[in-house]
Amino acid sequence: MEDERLVPVNGVKLCVQTFGEPTGSGEVREWLARTPRRVVRYDLRDTGQSTTGDPDNPGYTLRDLVTDAAELRP
């Protein structure tokens, strides 16, 4: 099962996918999904469907990216 949605985090929206049932493709996320864990994959800022900004002046730091991951609650 796959769920994709935009999640507000740290002042931006991040595109998040969660996986609970493996598809058998052999990827790490499917391997983890076979265990009693929930696998979450997300697009960083300025990638995929997450919030984008000015590529010449992104307006965020590495600390913001770390905070995004720490505060993510899909």
C-alpha atoms as a PDB file:
ATOM      1  CA  MET A   1       0.000   0.000   0.000  1.00  0.00           C
ATOM      2  CA  GLU A   2       1.345   3.445  -0.901  1.00  0.00           C
ATOM      3  CA  ASP A   3       0.094   6.802   0.303  1.00  0.00           C
ATOM      4  CA  GLU A   4       1.340  10.092  -1.155  1.00  0.00           C
ATOM      5  CA  ARG A   5       0.407  13.524   0.144  1.00  0.00           C
ATOM      6  CA  LEU A   6       1.737  17.012   0.876  1.00  0.00           C
ATOM      7  CA  VAL A   7       2.523  17.528   4.569  1.00  0.00           C
ATOM      8  CA  PRO A   8       3.092  20.973   6.117  1.00  0.00           C
ATOM      9  CA  VAL A   9       6.423  20.954   7.977  1.00  0.00           C
ATOM     10  CA  ASN A  10       8.603  23.802   9.227  1.00  0.00           C
ATOM     11  CA  GLY A  11       6.829  26.426   7.092  1.00  0.00           C
ATOM     12  CA  VAL A  12       6.834  24.464   3.803  1.00  0.00           C
ATOM     13  CA  LYS A  13       4.959  21.537   2.270  1.00  0.00           C
ATOM     14  CA  LEU A  14       6.890  18.302   1.689  1.00  0.00           C
ATOM     15  CA  CYS A  15       5.662  15.541  -0.600  1.00  0.00           C
ATOM     16  CA  VAL A  16       5.602  12.349   1.496  1.00  0.00           C
ATOM     17  CA  GLN A  17       5.060   8.715   0.533  1.00  0.00           C
ATOM     18  CA  THR A  18       4.493   5.945   3.054  1.00  0.00           C
ATOM     19  CA  PHE A  19       4.742   2.233   2.384  1.00  0.00           C
ATOM     20  CA  GLY A  20       3.255  -0.544   4.437  1.00  0.00           C
ATOM     21  CA  GLU A  21       3.149  -3.542   2.107  1.00  0.00           C
ATOM     22  CA  PRO A  22       6.144  -4.613   0.010  1.00  0.00           C
ATOM     23  CA  THR A  23       5.904  -4.873  -3.773  1.00  0.00           C
ATOM     24  CA  GLY A  24       8.722  -7.396  -4.041  1.00  0.00           C
ATOM     25  CA  SER A  25      11.039  -5.166  -6.089  1.00  0.00           C
ATOM     26  CA  GLY A  26      13.924  -5.751  -3.695  1.00  0.00           C
ATOM     27  CA  GLU A  27      14.430  -2.101  -2.797  1.00  0.00           C
ATOM     28  CA  VAL A  28      15.370  -1.180   0.764  1.00  0.00           C
ATOM     29  CA  ARG A  29      12.019   0.472   1.424  1.00  0.00           C
ATOM     30  CA  GLU A  30      10.168  -2.725   0.550  1.00  0.00           C
ATOM     31  CA  TRP A  31      12.521  -4.749   2.733  1.00  0.00           C
ATOM     32  CA  LEU A  32      11.854  -2.399   5.650  1.00  0.00           C
ATOM     33  CA  ALA A  33       8.105  -2.505   4.969  1.00  0.00           C
ATOM     34  CA  ARG A  34       8.154  -6.280   5.554  1.00  0.00           C
ATOM     35  CA  THR A  35       9.286  -5.618   9.112  1.00  0.00           C
ATOM     36  CA  PRO A  36       7.043  -4.140  11.807  1.00  0.00           C
ATOM     37  CA  ARG A  37       7.995  -0.612  10.740  1.00  0.00           C
ATOM     38  CA  ARG A  38       6.411   2.138   8.700  1.00  0.00           C
ATOM     39  CA  VAL A  39       8.571   3.400   5.824  1.00  0.00           C
ATOM     40  CA  VAL A  40       8.363   7.092   4.914  1.00  0.00           C
ATOM     41  CA  ARG A  41      10.008   8.681   1.888  1.00  0.00           C
ATOM     42  CA  TYR A  42       9.791  12.394   1.176  1.00  0.00           C
ATOM     43  CA  ASP A  43      10.975  14.969  -1.344  1.00  0.00           C
ATOM     44  CA  LEU A  44      13.380  17.553   0.051  1.00  0.00           C
ATOM     45  CA  ARG A  45      12.532  21.207  -0.475  1.00  0.00           C
ATOM     46  CA  ASP A  46      12.896  22.245  -4.120  1.00  0.00           C
ATOM     47  CA  THR A  47      12.493  18.676  -5.353  1.00  0.00           C
ATOM     48  CA  GLY A  48       9.561  16.646  -6.634  1.00  0.00           C
ATOM     49  CA  GLN A  49       6.202  17.949  -5.457  1.00  0.00           C
ATOM     50  CA  SER A  50       7.497  19.660  -2.308  1.00  0.00           C
ATOM     51  CA  THR A  51       7.593  23.446  -1.908  1.00  0.00           C
ATOM     52  CA  THR A  52       9.976  25.132  -4.336  1.00  0.00           C
ATOM     53  CA  GLY A  53      11.631  28.529  -4.172  1.00  0.00           C
ATOM     54  CA  ASP A  54      14.113  30.694  -6.010  1.00  0.00           C
ATOM     55  CA  PRO A  55      16.968  28.400  -7.139  1.00  0.00           C
ATOM     56  CA  ASP A  56      19.447  31.305  -6.980  1.00  0.00           C
ATOM     57  CA  ASN A  57      18.443  32.223  -3.415  1.00  0.00           C
ATOM     58  CA  PRO A  58      16.822  29.200  -1.769  1.00  0.00           C
ATOM     59  CA  GLY A  59      16.160  30.961   1.549  1.00  0.00           C
ATOM     60  CA  TYR A  60      16.858  27.910   3.724  1.00  0.00           C
ATOM     61  CA  THR A  61      19.868  26.288   5.343  1.00  0.00           C
ATOM     62  CA  LEU A  62      21.063  22.766   5.951  1.00  0.00           C
ATOM     63  CA  ARG A  63      19.691  23.152   9.483  1.00  0.00           C
ATOM     64  CA  ASP A  64      16.226  23.789   7.972  1.00  0.00           C
ATOM     65  CA  LEU A  65      16.477  20.536   6.002  1.00  0.00           C
ATOM     66  CA  VAL A  66      17.439  18.652   9.169  1.00  0.00           C
ATOM     67  CA  THR A  67      14.548  20.275  11.032  1.00  0.00           C
ATOM     68  CA  ASP A  68      12.168  19.265   8.225  1.00  0.00           C
ATOM     69  CA  ALA A  69      13.119  15.614   8.669  1.00  0.00           C
ATOM     70  CA  ALA A  70      12.973  15.793  12.473  1.00  0.00           C
ATOM     71  CA  GLU A  71       9.519  17.419  12.512  1.00  0.00           C
ATOM     72  CA  LEU A  72       7.978  15.256   9.787  1.00  0.00           C
ATOM     73  CA  ARG A  73       4.851  13.509  11.083  1.00  0.00           C
ATOM     74  CA  PRO A  74       3.096  11.997   8.044  1.00  0.00           C
END
